[in-house]
Amino acid sequence: MKKTTVYWLLVVTALFWGANIVAVKQIVGELPPVAAVGMRFFWVSLVLTAWVLFREGKKAWPRGRQWIGLFLLGITGIYGNNVLVFKGVALTTASNASLLMATSPVLTTIFAWLFWKERLRLLQWIGVILSFLGSLLVITRGSWAVLTSMSLHQGDLLIFGGAFFWTLYTLLGKRVMGSGGLSALATTAWSSCIGTAFLLCMTYWEGYRGALDLTAWGWVSMIYMVFCSGILAFSFWNYGVQQIGPQRAAIFSNIIPLAGVFSAWLLLNEEILLSHGLGALCILCGVWLTTQQ
């Protein structure tokens, strides 16, 4: 597949995850956060596992040490990231959550540079910084007062923890798929199964017993989280990481706050400001610079 196609898949992934904030806000108002994410990934892992076994047969089965890598992916990206983000979204503001989640690309670049000695050229570093500044501009609406008035509390710390786990998931995913020969689809399916097992155990431990009393919007949100921001987005993301590496893939995460703002305008009638347009320009230019060979 051409690199351009991979880039577009990552853009679509970022759009799915940006709009996901609206669905999460709806769901955590109707279900406990861990129960919501556990139900989401139960269906995600079920569909993905059936699909990968049908498509790849015996090649899809992990072997030996591959299970260790998949276990780490399930713990970090499926269990840890989602539990912290879902709980954090229920406790903090949308602006704080978006800002802290936007730290993931920077964390990914820094960790890959520190521990795996991966390098980016100066032009690509400029792209990383530019896209991050664009995210700040979108989130703060161009107001320095908004940025300086933010104070960390429990929800903020949970969101930042989720961003940290997502960084680990992104970096580990490249190694797991590169060393073991597993496809992106198989990696996504098995890590989802492992993460789902932990999610369901925690859901039971917290006292939820499976009662479903969702509104119409609740069902729409759950279906969206399963298929769009779940099955498709995770599959596209791992494929992108496999093809272009974690550093370049991570930069597309800066599109997520932009997509979140647009989704809020479209679905919640929130206002779009000039700062959103300027931030979008910075983000798109940053993504373009970072993806240059």
Protein backbone atom coordinates (compact mmCIF):
# COMPACT_ATOMS: atom_id res chain seq x y z
CA MET A 1 0.00 0.00 0.00
CA LYS A 2 1.28 3.49 -0.86
CA LYS A 3 2.42 5.77 1.95
CA THR A 4 -0.19 8.32 0.92
CA THR A 5 -2.95 5.77 1.55
CA VAL A 6 -1.47 4.96 4.95
CA TYR A 7 -1.46 8.66 5.83
CA TRP A 8 -5.12 8.99 4.87
CA LEU A 9 -6.01 5.98 7.02
CA LEU A 10 -4.31 7.67 9.98
CA VAL A 11 -6.21 10.89 9.27
CA VAL A 12 -9.50 8.96 9.27
CA THR A 13 -8.43 7.30 12.54
CA ALA A 14 -7.78 10.68 14.15
CA LEU A 15 -11.18 11.95 12.95
CA PHE A 16 -12.90 8.88 14.43
CA TRP A 17 -11.15 9.34 17.78
CA GLY A 18 -11.79 13.08 17.80
CA ALA A 19 -15.52 12.57 17.37
CA ASN A 20 -15.36 9.81 19.98
CA ILE A 21 -15.28 12.38 22.79
CA VAL A 22 -18.95 13.17 22.12
CA ALA A 23 -19.86 9.48 22.30
CA VAL A 24 -17.85 8.99 25.51
CA LYS A 25 -19.54 11.98 27.16
CA GLN A 26 -22.92 10.43 26.34
CA ILE A 27 -22.04 6.93 27.51
CA VAL A 28 -20.42 7.83 30.85
CA GLY A 29 -23.63 9.63 31.71
CA GLU A 30 -25.57 6.38 31.32
CA LEU A 31 -23.08 3.65 32.32
CA PRO A 32 -20.14 3.40 34.74
CA PRO A 33 -16.93 4.29 32.81
CA VAL A 34 -15.27 0.88 33.16
CA ALA A 35 -18.48 -0.94 32.24
CA ALA A 36 -18.83 1.25 29.14
CA VAL A 37 -15.31 0.60 27.91
CA GLY A 38 -15.54 -3.09 28.82
CA MET A 39 -18.71 -3.51 26.78
CA ARG A 40 -17.14 -1.60 23.91
CA PHE A 41 -14.07 -3.80 23.68
CA PHE A 42 -15.99 -7.03 24.24
CA TRP A 43 -17.65 -6.48 20.87
CA VAL A 44 -14.51 -5.04 19.29
CA SER A 45 -12.42 -8.07 20.23
CA LEU A 46 -15.18 -10.51 19.24
CA VAL A 47 -15.57 -9.06 15.74
CA LEU A 48 -11.83 -8.61 15.15
CA THR A 49 -10.93 -12.12 16.29
CA ALA A 50 -13.58 -13.71 14.08
CA TRP A 51 -12.46 -11.61 11.13
CA VAL A 52 -8.73 -12.28 11.49
CA LEU A 53 -9.24 -16.04 11.90
CA PHE A 54 -11.45 -16.09 8.82
CA ARG A 55 -8.98 -14.01 6.81
CA GLU A 56 -5.60 -15.38 7.94
CA GLY A 57 -6.37 -18.80 9.40
CA LYS A 58 -3.46 -20.42 11.28
CA LYS A 59 -1.13 -17.52 10.47
CA ALA A 60 -3.16 -15.33 12.82
CA TRP A 61 -2.34 -17.44 15.90
CA PRO A 62 0.46 -15.97 18.05
CA ARG A 63 3.38 -18.20 19.01
CA GLY A 64 5.61 -18.36 22.07
CA ARG A 65 7.04 -15.00 23.07
CA GLN A 66 4.57 -13.15 20.85
CA TRP A 67 2.03 -13.55 23.65
CA ILE A 68 4.24 -11.45 25.95
CA GLY A 69 4.17 -8.53 23.55
CA LEU A 70 0.42 -8.89 23.01
CA PHE A 71 -0.11 -9.01 26.77
CA LEU A 72 1.77 -5.72 27.16
CA LEU A 73 -0.26 -4.15 24.34
CA GLY A 74 -3.52 -5.30 25.93
CA ILE A 75 -2.54 -3.92 29.33
CA THR A 76 -1.29 -0.55 28.06
CA GLY A 77 -3.41 0.44 25.05
CA ILE A 78 -6.67 -1.40 25.68
CA TYR A 79 -6.98 -1.69 29.45
CA GLY A 80 -4.86 1.09 30.95
CA ASN A 81 -5.43 3.79 28.35
CA ASN A 82 -9.20 3.35 28.06
CA VAL A 83 -9.94 2.98 31.77
CA LEU A 84 -8.01 6.14 32.58
CA VAL A 85 -9.44 8.16 29.66
CA PHE A 86 -13.06 7.12 30.27
CA LYS A 87 -12.78 7.88 33.99
CA GLY A 88 -10.90 11.08 33.31
CA VAL A 89 -13.46 12.39 30.80
CA ALA A 90 -16.16 11.93 33.44
CA LEU A 91 -14.20 14.06 35.93
CA THR A 92 -12.47 16.85 33.99
CA THR A 93 -13.31 19.50 31.42
CA ALA A 94 -13.17 18.89 27.68
CA SER A 95 -10.41 21.50 27.26
CA ASN A 96 -8.16 19.93 29.87
CA ALA A 97 -8.79 16.44 28.49
CA SER A 98 -7.99 17.46 24.92
CA LEU A 99 -4.81 19.27 25.94
CA LEU A 100 -3.47 16.37 27.98
CA MET A 101 -4.31 13.78 25.30
CA ALA A 102 -2.49 15.95 22.76
CA THR A 103 0.75 15.29 24.66
CA SER A 104 0.87 11.73 23.31
CA PRO A 105 2.70 12.53 20.01
CA VAL A 106 5.36 14.50 21.87
CA LEU A 107 5.78 11.73 24.44
CA THR A 108 6.07 9.15 21.66
CA THR A 109 8.77 11.12 19.85
CA ILE A 110 10.74 11.76 23.04
CA PHE A 111 10.55 8.14 24.25
CA ALA A 112 11.53 6.75 20.85
CA TRP A 113 14.47 9.18 20.76
CA LEU A 114 15.59 8.41 24.32
CA PHE A 115 15.27 4.64 24.44
CA TRP A 116 15.38 3.37 20.85
CA LYS A 117 17.64 6.04 19.36
CA GLU A 118 15.18 6.72 16.55
CA ARG A 119 15.90 9.96 14.75
CA LEU A 120 13.87 12.63 13.01
CA ARG A 121 15.33 15.27 10.74
CA LEU A 122 15.11 18.94 11.72
CA LEU A 123 12.19 19.52 9.38
CA GLN A 124 10.25 16.71 11.05
CA TRP A 125 11.01 18.04 14.54
CA ILE A 126 9.62 21.39 13.38
CA GLY A 127 6.49 19.52 12.25
CA VAL A 128 6.12 17.90 15.68
CA ILE A 129 6.38 21.26 17.44
CA LEU A 130 4.12 23.05 14.94
CA SER A 131 1.34 20.46 15.19
CA PHE A 132 1.50 20.50 18.99
CA LEU A 133 1.28 24.29 19.03
CA GLY A 134 -1.70 24.00 16.69
CA SER A 135 -3.37 21.66 19.16
CA LEU A 136 -2.77 24.18 21.96
CA LEU A 137 -4.27 26.95 19.84
CA VAL A 138 -7.41 24.90 19.14
CA ILE A 139 -7.86 23.82 22.73
CA THR A 140 -7.19 27.19 24.39
CA ARG A 141 -9.10 29.15 21.71
CA GLY A 142 -6.10 31.42 21.34
CA SER A 143 -6.36 32.64 24.93
CA TRP A 144 -3.28 32.65 27.15
CA ALA A 145 -5.58 33.06 30.15
CA VAL A 146 -7.29 29.73 29.37
CA LEU A 147 -3.92 27.95 29.32
CA THR A 148 -2.58 29.52 32.51
CA SER A 149 -5.84 29.03 34.42
CA MET A 150 -5.82 25.25 33.95
CA SER A 151 -5.18 23.39 37.19
CA LEU A 152 -4.50 19.68 37.45
CA HIS A 153 -6.91 17.59 39.49
CA GLN A 154 -7.83 13.91 39.58
CA GLY A 155 -9.48 13.83 36.14
CA ASP A 156 -6.51 15.61 34.53
CA LEU A 157 -4.04 13.16 36.06
CA LEU A 158 -6.11 10.23 34.79
CA ILE A 159 -6.14 11.67 31.24
CA PHE A 160 -2.38 12.24 31.33
CA GLY A 161 -1.91 8.67 32.54
CA GLY A 162 -4.01 7.50 29.59
CA ALA A 163 -1.78 9.47 27.20
CA PHE A 164 1.29 7.85 28.76
CA PHE A 165 -0.16 4.35 28.32
CA TRP A 166 -1.08 5.16 24.72
CA THR A 167 2.52 6.20 24.07
CA LEU A 168 3.72 2.84 25.40
CA TYR A 169 1.13 1.03 23.25
CA THR A 170 2.26 2.86 20.11
CA LEU A 171 5.96 2.18 20.69
CA LEU A 172 5.43 -1.46 21.68
CA GLY A 173 3.13 -2.08 18.72
CA LYS A 174 5.91 -1.40 16.22
CA ARG A 175 8.22 -3.88 17.93
CA VAL A 176 5.58 -6.58 18.34
CA MET A 177 4.51 -6.44 14.69
CA GLY A 178 8.07 -6.02 13.42
CA SER A 179 9.72 -8.86 15.34
CA GLY A 180 7.00 -11.49 15.45
CA GLY A 181 5.56 -11.33 11.95
CA LEU A 182 2.00 -10.76 13.17
CA SER A 183 -0.20 -8.62 10.96
CA ALA A 184 -1.64 -5.35 12.22
CA LEU A 185 -5.11 -6.94 12.25
CA ALA A 186 -3.98 -9.95 14.29
CA THR A 187 -2.07 -7.73 16.72
CA THR A 188 -5.14 -5.54 17.22
CA ALA A 189 -7.46 -8.53 17.67
CA TRP A 190 -5.40 -10.45 20.24
CA SER A 191 -4.33 -7.41 22.26
CA SER A 192 -8.02 -6.39 22.35
CA CYS A 193 -8.98 -9.81 23.70
CA ILE A 194 -6.36 -9.61 26.45
CA GLY A 195 -7.33 -6.06 27.40
CA THR A 196 -11.02 -6.96 27.35
CA ALA A 197 -10.45 -9.80 29.83
CA PHE A 198 -9.00 -7.33 32.32
CA LEU A 199 -11.74 -4.80 31.61
CA LEU A 200 -14.51 -7.32 32.26
CA CYS A 201 -12.86 -8.48 35.49
CA MET A 202 -12.62 -4.90 36.71
CA THR A 203 -16.22 -4.23 35.64
CA TYR A 204 -17.42 -7.19 37.74
CA TRP A 205 -15.22 -6.16 40.66
CA GLU A 206 -16.76 -2.67 40.64
CA GLY A 207 -20.22 -4.22 40.98
CA TYR A 208 -21.69 -3.86 37.49
CA ARG A 209 -23.75 -6.90 36.47
CA GLY A 210 -24.65 -6.15 32.86
CA ALA A 211 -27.92 -4.21 33.15
CA LEU A 212 -28.49 -2.16 29.98
CA ASP A 213 -30.88 0.77 30.03
CA LEU A 214 -29.46 3.04 27.33
CA THR A 215 -31.27 5.87 25.61
CA ALA A 216 -31.42 6.03 21.81
CA TRP A 217 -28.37 8.32 21.80
CA GLY A 218 -26.65 5.91 24.18
CA TRP A 219 -27.06 3.05 21.70
CA VAL A 220 -25.87 5.23 18.82
CA SER A 221 -22.81 6.20 20.87
CA MET A 222 -22.03 2.59 21.77
CA ILE A 223 -22.35 1.41 18.15
CA TYR A 224 -20.06 4.24 17.05
CA MET A 225 -17.48 3.39 19.73
CA VAL A 226 -17.48 -0.28 18.73
CA PHE A 227 -17.27 0.01 14.95
CA CYS A 228 -15.85 3.43 14.04
CA SER A 229 -13.58 4.48 16.90
CA GLY A 230 -13.04 0.83 17.90
CA ILE A 231 -12.68 -1.80 15.17
CA LEU A 232 -11.80 0.47 12.26
CA ALA A 233 -9.71 3.03 14.14
CA PHE A 234 -7.56 0.53 16.07
CA SER A 235 -6.98 -1.56 12.94
CA PHE A 236 -6.00 1.50 10.89
CA TRP A 237 -3.75 2.77 13.69
CA ASN A 238 -1.75 -0.42 14.13
CA TYR A 239 -1.41 -0.78 10.37
CA GLY A 240 -0.10 2.78 10.19
CA VAL A 241 2.39 2.15 13.00
CA GLN A 242 3.56 -1.00 11.23
CA GLN A 243 4.06 0.81 7.92
CA ILE A 244 5.58 4.19 8.88
CA GLY A 245 6.72 3.76 12.50
CA PRO A 246 5.43 5.10 15.82
CA GLN A 247 6.93 8.59 15.57
CA ARG A 248 5.29 9.51 12.28
CA ALA A 249 2.03 7.79 13.16
CA ALA A 250 1.84 9.58 16.51
CA ILE A 251 1.88 13.02 14.91
CA PHE A 252 -1.55 12.34 13.43
CA SER A 253 -2.92 12.31 16.98
CA ASN A 254 -2.71 16.10 16.88
CA ILE A 255 -5.71 16.05 14.54
CA ILE A 256 -7.85 14.57 17.32
CA PRO A 257 -8.51 17.84 19.23
CA LEU A 258 -9.41 19.54 15.95
CA ALA A 259 -11.86 16.76 15.11
CA GLY A 260 -13.26 16.98 18.62
CA VAL A 261 -13.96 20.70 18.27
CA PHE A 262 -15.67 20.18 14.90
CA SER A 263 -17.76 17.30 16.28
CA ALA A 264 -18.85 19.44 19.22
CA TRP A 265 -19.89 22.19 16.79
CA LEU A 266 -21.75 19.76 14.54
CA LEU A 267 -23.50 17.73 17.24
CA LEU A 268 -23.60 20.05 20.25
CA ASN A 269 -23.88 23.42 18.47
CA GLU A 270 -20.67 24.71 20.05
CA GLU A 271 -18.97 27.77 18.54
CA ILE A 272 -16.04 27.61 16.08
CA LEU A 273 -13.58 30.50 16.43
CA LEU A 274 -10.77 32.00 14.33
CA SER A 275 -8.27 30.28 16.63
CA HIS A 276 -9.71 26.93 15.55
CA GLY A 277 -8.99 27.73 11.89
CA LEU A 278 -5.45 28.92 12.65
CA GLY A 279 -4.85 25.87 14.83
CA ALA A 280 -6.10 23.59 12.08
CA LEU A 281 -3.64 25.17 9.65
CA CYS A 282 -0.75 24.62 12.08
CA ILE A 283 -1.77 21.01 12.70
CA LEU A 284 -2.09 20.14 9.03
CA CYS A 285 1.23 21.83 8.17
CA GLY A 286 2.90 20.00 11.05
CA VAL A 287 1.55 16.65 9.91
CA TRP A 288 2.73 17.36 6.36
CA LEU A 289 6.25 18.29 7.52
CA THR A 290 6.57 15.23 9.76
CA THR A 291 5.51 12.80 7.02
CA GLN A 292 8.07 14.05 4.52
CA GLN A 293 10.82 11.61 3.55
